[in-house]
Structure formats: C-alpha cells, structure tokens
Amino acid sequence: MSETLRPHRYTDAEIAAVYRVIAERRDMRHFVPTPVAPELLTKVLQAAHQAPSVGLMQPWRFIRIIDTTTRKNIHQLVDAERAKTAQAIGEFETTARMAEFLRLKVEGILDCGELLVAALCNDRERHIFGRRTLPEMDLASVSCAIQNMWLAARAEGLGMGWVSIFDPVALGQLLNMPSEAKPIAVLCLGHVNSFYKEPMLVETGWKTARPLADMVMENSWDSSK
C-alpha cells in the first residue's frame, strides 16, 4: 500500500520498536531486588492509565504494596492457592503432572522491586455504557491497562509478572477493599538479570504455544480449531 494512503503511519523504526516490545514481553518470575526508581514507576503506571476502557469507566485501581508484612501475607495467600491448584490439577491429570506444577516458579513476590495489586473498582453497576449485555467488559478494560503497563515496563527494561493464583476474597479482605471491588492481579515489577527467550512455560516444557492459524476462523465458528 502506498504511504500516501497511510499519512498517519509511524516511521519504520518506530513501528519495529512497537512490534519488538510486543514480541519480547515476558511474564517474569525471576527478579533482582534492585528498587525501581519512583519516576520510572510513575511512567509505567501512567501507561496503564492511558488504556482504553469501555464507556471511559476507567475501572482499574492499583494498590502499591510497600509494607513488608503485607507483602509476606500476599505471598502466603498465593502459596496456599498454589497448593490447592496442584491438587486440582491432580484430579484431572497425572500425579507426575501435579508434581511438575509444584516445581514451577509461579511468582516473584518476595523478590521483585515493586509489588502492586490491580483491582476492579467498586460501584461498577452504575456504568452501563458498553456493559449492559457484556458486564465483563470492566475486566477487559483492566486487562488492557495491565497489558499497557507490561509493554511499557518491557520497553524500559523492567520485568513484570502477572500472578493470578490467589483467593480474591481473602486478598480483598487483607487489603481492606470494599466488597464490591475485586483484586484481579498481583503484579511483580522490577529489574531482572535477563528476560526469558521464550515464555517461561514454553521454556520449562509445561506447555506448547499454538500458532495464530489455529485461532483464526472465517464467517462462522470452526469446531476443528
């Protein structure tokens, strides 16, 4: 396509940088304890805050965990759910698969420079625009904010890991959240020695990623996918 038909196109170098950060983003579990500079944390959170949200409801809330005891308590919640997840895996798969899961490093809560909890705000029912038939679009909006944060962190040379292995009710109570709010992610953010060359679950042999061709259909649902 002629560039005259794409007057708003970025330069080749800028486009390459966008695709590169998408391709090299990783769900990190291994961190070094070097603190994250405050101005850098602000930039990453600002990227999250610039995410799209249905009806401009901006349902994301971020709780920065700076208290060591609270960080340890969150780690305990995750560790407890990790054991329950292993048991659930054992009910559907082999004992060896359950043991394999227990060997995986699933979080870096005690190691990362910054720990944040991303949550859905309370009082979401009043936001009707775009949610009348799809109320879960509030969760989709928070997910967009987390992805923005992830990409910005990677571009800045920081690793980030999304931890979802926790009881949301227990975590909400620990953080004194209103009952209508809901924690979505424990986010480990910080400096790393290196980034995984492939997603960690691929590198460890836990799972193989499926290609794009398996995900794209035409005109109607394809049950062979």
C-alpha atoms as a PDB file:
ATOM      1  CA  MET A   1       0.000   0.000   0.000  1.00  0.00           C
ATOM      2  CA  SER A   2       1.297   3.423  -0.893  1.00  0.00           C
ATOM      3  CA  GLU A   3       2.449   5.513   2.059  1.00  0.00           C
ATOM      4  CA  THR A   4       0.332   8.361   0.709  1.00  0.00           C
ATOM      5  CA  LEU A   5      -2.688   6.287   1.722  1.00  0.00           C
ATOM      6  CA  ARG A   6      -1.319   5.974   5.271  1.00  0.00           C
ATOM      7  CA  PRO A   7      -0.433   9.533   6.263  1.00  0.00           C
ATOM      8  CA  HIS A   8      -0.604   8.722   9.986  1.00  0.00           C
ATOM      9  CA  ARG A   9       1.863   5.846   9.766  1.00  0.00           C
ATOM     10  CA  TYR A  10       4.857   5.874  12.132  1.00  0.00           C
ATOM     11  CA  THR A  11       8.398   5.567  10.819  1.00  0.00           C
ATOM     12  CA  ASP A  12       9.788   2.105  10.087  1.00  0.00           C
ATOM     13  CA  ALA A  13      11.987   2.286  13.201  1.00  0.00           C
ATOM     14  CA  GLU A  14       9.087   3.289  15.428  1.00  0.00           C
ATOM     15  CA  ILE A  15       6.887   0.521  14.038  1.00  0.00           C
ATOM     16  CA  ALA A  16       9.663  -2.024  14.549  1.00  0.00           C
ATOM     17  CA  ALA A  17      10.001  -0.938  18.170  1.00  0.00           C
ATOM     18  CA  VAL A  18       6.272  -1.470  18.781  1.00  0.00           C
ATOM     19  CA  TYR A  19       6.301  -4.976  17.333  1.00  0.00           C
ATOM     20  CA  ARG A  20       9.553  -5.779  19.122  1.00  0.00           C
ATOM     21  CA  VAL A  21       8.229  -4.923  22.571  1.00  0.00           C
ATOM     22  CA  ILE A  22       5.104  -6.991  21.897  1.00  0.00           C
ATOM     23  CA  ALA A  23       7.193  -9.979  20.812  1.00  0.00           C
ATOM     24  CA  GLU A  24       9.674  -9.699  23.687  1.00  0.00           C
ATOM     25  CA  ARG A  25       7.219  -9.116  26.541  1.00  0.00           C
ATOM     26  CA  ARG A  26       7.500 -11.929  29.062  1.00  0.00           C
ATOM     27  CA  ASP A  27       5.587 -12.997  32.171  1.00  0.00           C
ATOM     28  CA  MET A  28       8.564 -12.782  34.526  1.00  0.00           C
ATOM     29  CA  ARG A  29       9.103 -14.791  37.704  1.00  0.00           C
ATOM     30  CA  HIS A  30      12.794 -14.144  38.396  1.00  0.00           C
ATOM     31  CA  PHE A  31      13.850 -10.721  39.686  1.00  0.00           C
ATOM     32  CA  VAL A  32      16.734  -8.949  41.366  1.00  0.00           C
ATOM     33  CA  PRO A  33      15.851  -6.807  44.421  1.00  0.00           C
ATOM     34  CA  THR A  34      17.118  -3.511  42.982  1.00  0.00           C
ATOM     35  CA  PRO A  35      14.492  -0.809  43.703  1.00  0.00           C
ATOM     36  CA  VAL A  36      12.526   0.703  40.822  1.00  0.00           C
ATOM     37  CA  ALA A  37      13.085   4.453  40.548  1.00  0.00           C
ATOM     38  CA  PRO A  38       9.928   6.383  41.522  1.00  0.00           C
ATOM     39  CA  GLU A  39       9.822   8.325  38.255  1.00  0.00           C
ATOM     40  CA  LEU A  40      10.044   5.064  36.295  1.00  0.00           C
ATOM     41  CA  LEU A  41       7.212   3.506  38.296  1.00  0.00           C
ATOM     42  CA  THR A  42       5.112   6.590  37.589  1.00  0.00           C
ATOM     43  CA  LYS A  43       5.767   6.305  33.843  1.00  0.00           C
ATOM     44  CA  VAL A  44       4.733   2.646  33.812  1.00  0.00           C
ATOM     45  CA  LEU A  45       1.561   3.354  35.796  1.00  0.00           C
ATOM     46  CA  GLN A  46       0.754   6.284  33.526  1.00  0.00           C
ATOM     47  CA  ALA A  47       0.940   3.903  30.561  1.00  0.00           C
ATOM     48  CA  ALA A  48      -1.573   1.681  32.336  1.00  0.00           C
ATOM     49  CA  HIS A  49      -3.837   4.655  32.991  1.00  0.00           C
ATOM     50  CA  GLN A  50      -3.839   5.522  29.266  1.00  0.00           C
ATOM     51  CA  ALA A  51      -5.503   2.216  28.388  1.00  0.00           C
ATOM     52  CA  PRO A  52      -8.884   2.154  26.666  1.00  0.00           C
ATOM     53  CA  SER A  53     -11.915   1.407  28.805  1.00  0.00           C
ATOM     54  CA  VAL A  54     -15.498   0.728  27.847  1.00  0.00           C
ATOM     55  CA  GLY A  55     -17.623   3.851  28.336  1.00  0.00           C
ATOM     56  CA  LEU A  56     -14.466   5.548  29.693  1.00  0.00           C
ATOM     57  CA  MET A  57     -15.282   3.979  33.058  1.00  0.00           C
ATOM     58  CA  GLN A  58     -11.584   3.527  33.968  1.00  0.00           C
ATOM     59  CA  PRO A  59     -12.317   0.644  36.364  1.00  0.00           C
ATOM     60  CA  TRP A  60      -8.676  -0.024  37.231  1.00  0.00           C
ATOM     61  CA  ARG A  61      -7.254   0.647  40.675  1.00  0.00           C
ATOM     62  CA  PHE A  62      -3.648  -0.072  41.690  1.00  0.00           C
ATOM     63  CA  ILE A  63      -2.538  -0.716  45.257  1.00  0.00           C
ATOM     64  CA  ARG A  64       1.197  -0.342  45.783  1.00  0.00           C
ATOM     65  CA  ILE A  65       2.434  -2.708  48.490  1.00  0.00           C
ATOM     66  CA  ILE A  66       5.237  -1.049  50.448  1.00  0.00           C
ATOM     67  CA  ASP A  67       4.743  -2.808  53.797  1.00  0.00           C
ATOM     68  CA  THR A  68       6.969  -5.887  54.160  1.00  0.00           C
ATOM     69  CA  THR A  69       4.475  -7.768  56.318  1.00  0.00           C
ATOM     70  CA  THR A  70       1.683  -7.224  53.803  1.00  0.00           C
ATOM     71  CA  ARG A  71       3.957  -8.462  51.017  1.00  0.00           C
ATOM     72  CA  LYS A  72       4.690 -11.610  53.019  1.00  0.00           C
ATOM     73  CA  ASN A  73       0.979 -12.118  53.714  1.00  0.00           C
ATOM     74  CA  ILE A  74       0.203 -11.869  49.994  1.00  0.00           C
ATOM     75  CA  HIS A  75       2.919 -14.432  49.326  1.00  0.00           C
ATOM     76  CA  GLN A  76       1.300 -16.768  51.862  1.00  0.00           C
ATOM     77  CA  LEU A  77      -2.087 -16.395  50.149  1.00  0.00           C
ATOM     78  CA  VAL A  78      -0.525 -17.235  46.793  1.00  0.00           C
ATOM     79  CA  ASP A  79       1.366 -20.185  48.250  1.00  0.00           C
ATOM     80  CA  ALA A  80      -1.833 -21.576  49.794  1.00  0.00           C
ATOM     81  CA  GLU A  81      -3.700 -21.322  46.489  1.00  0.00           C
ATOM     82  CA  ARG A  82      -0.729 -22.857  44.685  1.00  0.00           C
ATOM     83  CA  ALA A  83      -1.136 -25.996  46.784  1.00  0.00           C
ATOM     84  CA  LYS A  84      -4.882 -26.102  46.047  1.00  0.00           C
ATOM     85  CA  THR A  85      -4.217 -25.607  42.334  1.00  0.00           C
ATOM     86  CA  ALA A  86      -1.796 -28.526  42.391  1.00  0.00           C
ATOM     87  CA  GLN A  87      -4.466 -30.717  43.977  1.00  0.00           C
ATOM     88  CA  ALA A  88      -6.981 -29.638  41.338  1.00  0.00           C
ATOM     89  CA  ILE A  89      -4.505 -30.475  38.582  1.00  0.00           C
ATOM     90  CA  GLY A  90      -4.017 -33.884  40.187  1.00  0.00           C
ATOM     91  CA  GLU A  91      -7.752 -34.574  39.936  1.00  0.00           C
ATOM     92  CA  PHE A  92      -7.704 -34.151  36.152  1.00  0.00           C
ATOM     93  CA  GLU A  93      -4.159 -35.131  35.237  1.00  0.00           C
ATOM     94  CA  THR A  94      -1.422 -37.446  36.460  1.00  0.00           C
ATOM     95  CA  THR A  95       0.406 -37.255  39.763  1.00  0.00           C
ATOM     96  CA  ALA A  96       3.550 -36.536  37.783  1.00  0.00           C
ATOM     97  CA  ARG A  97       1.874 -33.526  36.189  1.00  0.00           C
ATOM     98  CA  MET A  98       0.879 -32.243  39.634  1.00  0.00           C
ATOM     99  CA  ALA A  99       4.458 -32.626  40.838  1.00  0.00           C
ATOM    100  CA  GLU A 100       5.680 -30.862  37.706  1.00  0.00           C
ATOM    101  CA  PHE A 101       3.410 -27.914  38.508  1.00  0.00           C
ATOM    102  CA  LEU A 102       4.752 -27.703  42.054  1.00  0.00           C
ATOM    103  CA  ARG A 103       8.270 -27.401  40.667  1.00  0.00           C
ATOM    104  CA  LEU A 104       7.336 -24.378  38.565  1.00  0.00           C
ATOM    105  CA  LYS A 105       8.204 -20.933  39.877  1.00  0.00           C
ATOM    106  CA  VAL A 106       4.840 -19.195  39.675  1.00  0.00           C
ATOM    107  CA  GLU A 107       5.647 -15.824  41.271  1.00  0.00           C
ATOM    108  CA  GLY A 108       8.374 -13.421  42.339  1.00  0.00           C
ATOM    109  CA  ILE A 109       6.501 -11.684  45.143  1.00  0.00           C
ATOM    110  CA  LEU A 110       9.338 -11.687  47.673  1.00  0.00           C
ATOM    111  CA  ASP A 111      11.996 -10.826  45.103  1.00  0.00           C
ATOM    112  CA  CYS A 112      10.655  -8.016  42.902  1.00  0.00           C
ATOM    113  CA  GLY A 113      11.437  -4.353  43.440  1.00  0.00           C
ATOM    114  CA  GLU A 114       7.784  -3.280  43.335  1.00  0.00           C
ATOM    115  CA  LEU A 115       4.628  -5.209  44.174  1.00  0.00           C
ATOM    116  CA  LEU A 116       1.232  -3.923  43.070  1.00  0.00           C
ATOM    117  CA  VAL A 117      -2.292  -5.301  43.128  1.00  0.00           C
ATOM    118  CA  ALA A 118      -4.518  -4.401  40.190  1.00  0.00           C
ATOM    119  CA  ALA A 119      -8.210  -4.398  41.011  1.00  0.00           C
ATOM    120  CA  LEU A 120     -11.650  -3.634  39.689  1.00  0.00           C
ATOM    121  CA  CYS A 121     -13.185  -0.626  41.399  1.00  0.00           C
ATOM    122  CA  ASN A 122     -16.403  -0.758  43.392  1.00  0.00           C
ATOM    123  CA  ASP A 123     -19.722   0.787  42.302  1.00  0.00           C
ATOM    124  CA  ARG A 124     -19.342  -0.598  38.767  1.00  0.00           C
ATOM    125  CA  GLU A 125     -23.056  -1.220  38.292  1.00  0.00           C
ATOM    126  CA  ARG A 126     -23.709   2.434  37.505  1.00  0.00           C
ATOM    127  CA  HIS A 127     -21.509   2.149  34.397  1.00  0.00           C
ATOM    128  CA  ILE A 128     -23.973   0.897  31.775  1.00  0.00           C
ATOM    129  CA  PHE A 129     -22.391   2.187  28.551  1.00  0.00           C
ATOM    130  CA  GLY A 130     -20.979  -0.837  26.736  1.00  0.00           C
ATOM    131  CA  ARG A 131     -21.730  -3.213  29.611  1.00  0.00           C
ATOM    132  CA  ARG A 132     -25.477  -3.827  29.508  1.00  0.00           C
ATOM    133  CA  THR A 133     -25.063  -7.147  27.687  1.00  0.00           C
ATOM    134  CA  LEU A 134     -21.352  -7.645  28.400  1.00  0.00           C
ATOM    135  CA  PRO A 135     -20.769  -6.626  32.021  1.00  0.00           C
ATOM    136  CA  GLU A 136     -17.383  -8.358  31.959  1.00  0.00           C
ATOM    137  CA  MET A 137     -16.055  -5.523  29.798  1.00  0.00           C
ATOM    138  CA  ASP A 138     -14.895  -3.900  33.025  1.00  0.00           C
ATOM    139  CA  LEU A 139     -12.467  -6.800  33.427  1.00  0.00           C
ATOM    140  CA  ALA A 140     -11.428  -6.433  29.789  1.00  0.00           C
ATOM    141  CA  SER A 141     -10.636  -2.767  30.452  1.00  0.00           C
ATOM    142  CA  VAL A 142      -8.427  -3.589  33.451  1.00  0.00           C
ATOM    143  CA  SER A 143      -6.678  -6.225  31.331  1.00  0.00           C
ATOM    144  CA  CYS A 144      -5.894  -3.567  28.724  1.00  0.00           C
ATOM    145  CA  ALA A 145      -4.368  -1.389  31.454  1.00  0.00           C
ATOM    146  CA  ILE A 146      -2.214  -4.270  32.670  1.00  0.00           C
ATOM    147  CA  GLN A 147      -1.055  -5.007  29.126  1.00  0.00           C
ATOM    148  CA  ASN A 148      -0.119  -1.346  28.627  1.00  0.00           C
ATOM    149  CA  MET A 149       1.858  -1.488  31.847  1.00  0.00           C
ATOM    150  CA  TRP A 150       3.543  -4.734  30.776  1.00  0.00           C
ATOM    151  CA  LEU A 151       4.669  -3.339  27.432  1.00  0.00           C
ATOM    152  CA  ALA A 152       5.892  -0.081  28.944  1.00  0.00           C
ATOM    153  CA  ALA A 153       7.837  -1.995  31.582  1.00  0.00           C
ATOM    154  CA  ARG A 154       9.489  -4.195  28.952  1.00  0.00           C
ATOM    155  CA  ALA A 155      10.422  -1.161  26.847  1.00  0.00           C
ATOM    156  CA  GLU A 156      12.037   0.365  29.960  1.00  0.00           C
ATOM    157  CA  GLY A 157      13.984  -2.839  30.636  1.00  0.00           C
ATOM    158  CA  LEU A 158      11.840  -3.902  33.592  1.00  0.00           C
ATOM    159  CA  GLY A 159      10.287  -7.322  34.042  1.00  0.00           C
ATOM    160  CA  MET A 160       6.694  -7.830  35.114  1.00  0.00           C
ATOM    161  CA  GLY A 161       4.801 -10.927  36.182  1.00  0.00           C
ATOM    162  CA  TRP A 162       1.029 -11.332  36.444  1.00  0.00           C
ATOM    163  CA  VAL A 163       0.109 -13.611  39.365  1.00  0.00           C
ATOM    164  CA  SER A 164      -3.495 -14.867  39.415  1.00  0.00           C
ATOM    165  CA  ILE A 165      -3.056 -17.740  41.851  1.00  0.00           C
ATOM    166  CA  PHE A 166      -4.873 -16.362  44.906  1.00  0.00           C
ATOM    167  CA  ASP A 167      -8.277 -16.279  46.575  1.00  0.00           C
ATOM    168  CA  PRO A 168      -9.729 -12.892  45.566  1.00  0.00           C
ATOM    169  CA  VAL A 169     -11.963 -12.684  48.646  1.00  0.00           C
ATOM    170  CA  ALA A 170      -9.056 -13.321  51.003  1.00  0.00           C
ATOM    171  CA  LEU A 171      -6.804 -10.845  49.185  1.00  0.00           C
ATOM    172  CA  GLY A 172      -9.550  -8.229  49.142  1.00  0.00           C
ATOM    173  CA  GLN A 173     -10.013  -8.595  52.898  1.00  0.00           C
ATOM    174  CA  LEU A 174      -6.270  -8.383  53.508  1.00  0.00           C
ATOM    175  CA  LEU A 175      -6.151  -5.081  51.612  1.00  0.00           C
ATOM    176  CA  ASN A 176      -9.340  -3.677  53.186  1.00  0.00           C
ATOM    177  CA  MET A 177     -11.062  -3.460  49.816  1.00  0.00           C
ATOM    178  CA  PRO A 178     -14.824  -2.786  49.672  1.00  0.00           C
ATOM    179  CA  SER A 179     -16.838  -5.919  48.958  1.00  0.00           C
ATOM    180  CA  GLU A 180     -17.881  -4.673  45.506  1.00  0.00           C
ATOM    181  CA  ALA A 181     -14.252  -4.234  44.416  1.00  0.00           C
ATOM    182  CA  LYS A 182     -12.233  -7.224  43.256  1.00  0.00           C
ATOM    183  CA  PRO A 183      -8.488  -7.910  43.013  1.00  0.00           C
ATOM    184  CA  ILE A 184      -7.570  -9.145  39.544  1.00  0.00           C
ATOM    185  CA  ALA A 185      -3.802  -9.453  39.541  1.00  0.00           C
ATOM    186  CA  VAL A 186      -0.796  -9.402  41.807  1.00  0.00           C
ATOM    187  CA  LEU A 187       1.831  -7.666  39.693  1.00  0.00           C
ATOM    188  CA  CYS A 188       5.519  -8.271  40.331  1.00  0.00           C
ATOM    189  CA  LEU A 189       7.550  -5.470  38.775  1.00  0.00           C
ATOM    190  CA  GLY A 190      11.281  -4.984  38.838  1.00  0.00           C
ATOM    191  CA  HIS A 191      14.749  -5.347  37.438  1.00  0.00           C
ATOM    192  CA  VAL A 192      15.866  -8.713  36.061  1.00  0.00           C
ATOM    193  CA  ASN A 193      19.187 -10.283  35.126  1.00  0.00           C
ATOM    194  CA  SER A 194      17.746 -11.371  31.783  1.00  0.00           C
ATOM    195  CA  PHE A 195      14.450 -11.966  30.019  1.00  0.00           C
ATOM    196  CA  TYR A 196      13.264 -15.436  29.020  1.00  0.00           C
ATOM    197  CA  LYS A 197      13.940 -16.142  25.353  1.00  0.00           C
ATOM    198  CA  GLU A 198      10.533 -17.839  25.138  1.00  0.00           C
ATOM    199  CA  PRO A 199       7.550 -17.701  27.506  1.00  0.00           C
ATOM    200  CA  MET A 200       8.640 -19.439  30.708  1.00  0.00           C
ATOM    201  CA  LEU A 201       6.007 -22.176  30.418  1.00  0.00           C
ATOM    202  CA  VAL A 202       7.380 -22.978  26.965  1.00  0.00           C
ATOM    203  CA  GLU A 203      10.990 -22.909  28.168  1.00  0.00           C
ATOM    204  CA  THR A 204      10.182 -25.248  31.055  1.00  0.00           C
ATOM    205  CA  GLY A 205       8.271 -27.643  28.810  1.00  0.00           C
ATOM    206  CA  TRP A 206       4.972 -27.133  30.640  1.00  0.00           C
ATOM    207  CA  LYS A 207       3.065 -26.184  27.505  1.00  0.00           C
ATOM    208  CA  THR A 208       3.492 -25.522  23.785  1.00  0.00           C
ATOM    209  CA  ALA A 209       2.060 -22.327  22.307  1.00  0.00           C
ATOM    210  CA  ARG A 210      -0.401 -22.789  19.465  1.00  0.00           C
ATOM    211  CA  PRO A 211       0.078 -20.872  16.191  1.00  0.00           C
ATOM    212  CA  LEU A 212      -2.106 -17.999  15.030  1.00  0.00           C
ATOM    213  CA  ALA A 213      -3.623 -20.173  12.280  1.00  0.00           C
ATOM    214  CA  ASP A 214      -5.308 -22.269  14.988  1.00  0.00           C
ATOM    215  CA  MET A 215      -7.088 -19.195  16.322  1.00  0.00           C
ATOM    216  CA  VAL A 216      -8.479 -17.540  13.184  1.00  0.00           C
ATOM    217  CA  MET A 217     -11.811 -18.549  11.616  1.00  0.00           C
ATOM    218  CA  GLU A 218     -13.859 -17.177   8.740  1.00  0.00           C
ATOM    219  CA  ASN A 219     -17.553 -16.334   8.677  1.00  0.00           C
ATOM    220  CA  SER A 220     -18.608 -18.826  11.381  1.00  0.00           C
ATOM    221  CA  TRP A 221     -17.283 -20.994  14.165  1.00  0.00           C
ATOM    222  CA  ASP A 222     -14.931 -23.744  13.093  1.00  0.00           C
ATOM    223  CA  SER A 223     -15.124 -26.650  15.556  1.00  0.00           C
ATOM    224  CA  SER A 224     -11.889 -28.114  14.228  1.00  0.00           C
ATOM    225  CA  LYS A 225      -9.907 -25.243  15.730  1.00  0.00           C
END
